[in-house]
Amino acid sequence: MCSSSASTSPEQLTVLTSETYAETLPSYSEVVKDDSNYHLPDEYVDIEQFITTKVGAFGGRIRKIWPPDLQGRYTFEISGSYRYCENVQRNHKQNKIYFIVDPIKKTYIQKCHDSECYRFQSTLKHIDNDPRTLPNSRENNSK
């Protein structure tokens, strides 16, 4: 229920508002669950599938896809055991990686949350929808 009243005069404007919420706020776990369900628009389903296949081959999964930035790029947060970093050419022991994907150009870069790799970004890669190219990469699941 929401009620408000306002009175105006040339010198001042006063707005009084009172709001009552009938619903309870969602728990933290419900918010995280809802956030993690974000997907790319339908016209980019092949790109989302490419990233899913890429990280899934090494025990990873997409934790969250952030809405596009001002350049139209999406950030894919990765969780699970996929932690391969192109900078150190191995998996990080604890810190996670993420991809920044440009769906228009069908390109992506890899970045990570490790302090050793602060400001590093991988070379620009083209999204290849042929999963047969994945096992030939230098990535592996070693720690």
Protein backbone atom coordinates (compact mmCIF):
# COMPACT_ATOMS: atom_id res chain seq x y z
CA MET A 1 0.00 0.00 0.00
CA CYS A 2 1.40 3.36 -0.90
CA SER A 3 -0.01 6.75 -0.04
CA SER A 4 1.38 10.16 -0.63
CA SER A 5 0.31 13.73 -0.35
CA ALA A 6 1.89 16.86 -1.67
CA SER A 7 1.39 20.54 -1.23
CA THR A 8 2.97 23.14 -3.43
CA SER A 9 3.50 26.83 -3.30
CA PRO A 10 5.75 29.04 -5.37
CA GLU A 11 8.36 29.03 -2.57
CA GLN A 12 8.44 25.37 -1.54
CA LEU A 13 7.56 21.85 -2.49
CA THR A 14 6.82 19.28 0.20
CA VAL A 15 6.23 15.61 -0.54
CA LEU A 16 5.20 13.19 2.17
CA THR A 17 5.36 9.50 1.35
CA SER A 18 4.60 6.42 3.38
CA GLU A 19 5.19 2.93 2.02
CA THR A 20 4.33 -0.42 3.50
CA TYR A 21 5.77 -3.62 2.02
CA ALA A 22 3.59 -6.69 2.18
CA GLU A 23 6.39 -8.99 0.96
CA THR A 24 9.45 -10.04 2.89
CA LEU A 25 12.84 -9.44 1.30
CA PRO A 26 14.47 -12.47 -0.35
CA SER A 27 17.30 -14.25 1.45
CA TYR A 28 20.89 -13.88 0.25
CA SER A 29 20.86 -17.41 -1.22
CA GLU A 30 17.68 -16.64 -3.18
CA VAL A 31 19.27 -13.48 -4.62
CA VAL A 32 22.44 -15.38 -5.60
CA LYS A 33 20.34 -18.15 -7.17
CA ASP A 34 18.32 -15.61 -9.18
CA ASP A 35 21.48 -13.80 -10.29
CA SER A 36 23.14 -17.02 -11.40
CA ASN A 37 20.20 -17.81 -13.66
CA TYR A 38 20.94 -14.88 -15.96
CA HIS A 39 21.50 -15.96 -19.56
CA LEU A 40 22.44 -14.28 -22.81
CA PRO A 41 19.63 -13.22 -25.15
CA ASP A 42 18.35 -16.06 -27.36
CA GLU A 43 20.24 -14.88 -30.45
CA TYR A 44 23.52 -15.59 -28.58
CA VAL A 45 22.68 -19.04 -27.23
CA ASP A 46 25.52 -20.53 -29.32
CA ILE A 47 28.03 -18.28 -27.53
CA GLU A 48 26.79 -19.29 -24.10
CA GLN A 49 26.96 -22.94 -25.19
CA PHE A 50 30.55 -22.43 -26.41
CA ILE A 51 31.68 -21.12 -23.00
CA THR A 52 29.72 -23.86 -21.20
CA THR A 53 31.44 -26.53 -23.30
CA LYS A 54 34.87 -24.92 -22.96
CA VAL A 55 34.86 -24.79 -19.17
CA GLY A 56 32.74 -27.92 -18.69
CA ALA A 57 35.43 -30.03 -20.38
CA PHE A 58 37.67 -29.23 -17.40
CA GLY A 59 35.17 -29.39 -14.53
CA GLY A 60 34.05 -25.76 -14.62
CA ARG A 61 30.70 -24.08 -15.01
CA ILE A 62 29.30 -20.63 -15.60
CA ARG A 63 28.55 -19.18 -12.17
CA LYS A 64 27.08 -15.92 -13.40
CA ILE A 65 26.69 -13.89 -16.55
CA TRP A 66 26.73 -10.17 -15.87
CA PRO A 67 24.52 -7.88 -17.98
CA PRO A 68 26.35 -6.14 -20.82
CA ASP A 69 28.69 -3.23 -20.18
CA LEU A 70 28.56 0.01 -22.19
CA GLN A 71 30.40 -1.68 -25.08
CA GLY A 72 27.85 -4.54 -25.18
CA ARG A 73 30.26 -7.11 -23.68
CA TYR A 74 29.12 -9.73 -21.17
CA THR A 75 31.23 -10.99 -18.27
CA PHE A 76 31.09 -14.73 -17.57
CA GLU A 77 32.16 -15.61 -14.02
CA ILE A 78 33.49 -19.17 -13.94
CA SER A 79 33.48 -21.56 -10.98
CA GLY A 80 34.40 -25.18 -10.38
CA SER A 81 37.84 -26.52 -11.19
CA TYR A 82 38.33 -24.49 -14.38
CA ARG A 83 40.99 -21.94 -13.34
CA TYR A 84 43.32 -21.90 -16.34
CA CYS A 85 45.13 -18.59 -16.72
CA GLU A 86 46.88 -17.72 -19.96
CA ASN A 87 49.22 -15.36 -18.11
CA VAL A 88 50.86 -18.02 -15.90
CA GLN A 89 49.97 -20.83 -18.37
CA ARG A 90 48.55 -23.04 -15.63
CA ASN A 91 45.57 -23.24 -13.30
CA HIS A 92 45.48 -20.88 -10.36
CA LYS A 93 45.31 -22.77 -7.09
CA GLN A 94 42.38 -20.86 -5.60
CA ASN A 95 41.39 -17.77 -7.54
CA LYS A 96 38.79 -17.94 -10.25
CA ILE A 97 38.89 -16.66 -13.81
CA TYR A 98 36.32 -14.91 -15.96
CA PHE A 99 35.72 -14.22 -19.62
CA ILE A 100 34.67 -10.97 -21.24
CA VAL A 101 32.66 -11.82 -24.34
CA ASP A 102 31.73 -9.57 -27.25
CA PRO A 103 28.75 -11.32 -28.86
CA ILE A 104 28.68 -9.03 -31.91
CA LYS A 105 32.33 -9.64 -32.85
CA LYS A 106 32.17 -13.23 -31.48
CA THR A 107 35.37 -12.71 -29.50
CA TYR A 108 36.43 -13.16 -25.89
CA ILE A 109 39.32 -12.54 -23.52
CA GLN A 110 40.22 -14.27 -20.27
CA LYS A 111 40.99 -12.39 -17.06
CA CYS A 112 41.39 -13.60 -13.50
CA HIS A 113 40.91 -12.49 -9.92
CA ASP A 114 44.46 -13.42 -8.83
CA SER A 115 46.61 -10.53 -7.58
CA GLU A 116 49.57 -11.95 -9.53
CA CYS A 117 47.63 -11.32 -12.73
CA TYR A 118 46.17 -7.93 -11.90
CA ARG A 119 45.41 -6.03 -15.13
CA PHE A 120 46.37 -9.01 -17.31
CA GLN A 121 44.06 -9.98 -20.14
CA SER A 122 44.60 -12.84 -22.56
CA THR A 123 44.98 -12.44 -26.26
CA LEU A 124 41.73 -11.81 -28.08
CA LYS A 125 40.23 -15.11 -29.20
CA HIS A 126 37.47 -15.84 -31.68
CA ILE A 127 34.54 -17.95 -30.60
CA ASP A 128 34.64 -21.19 -32.52
CA ASN A 129 31.46 -23.19 -32.29
CA ASP A 130 33.27 -26.40 -33.19
CA PRO A 131 33.88 -28.17 -29.85
CA ARG A 132 36.49 -30.42 -31.51
CA THR A 133 38.97 -27.55 -31.18
CA LEU A 134 38.76 -27.56 -27.38
CA PRO A 135 40.87 -30.65 -26.50
CA ASN A 136 43.76 -29.33 -28.62
CA SER A 137 44.24 -26.28 -26.40
CA ARG A 138 47.10 -25.92 -23.91
CA GLU A 139 44.61 -25.87 -21.09
CA ASN A 140 44.49 -28.83 -18.76
CA ASN A 141 43.03 -29.67 -15.42
CA SER A 142 46.34 -29.98 -13.56
CA LYS A 143 46.88 -27.98 -10.41
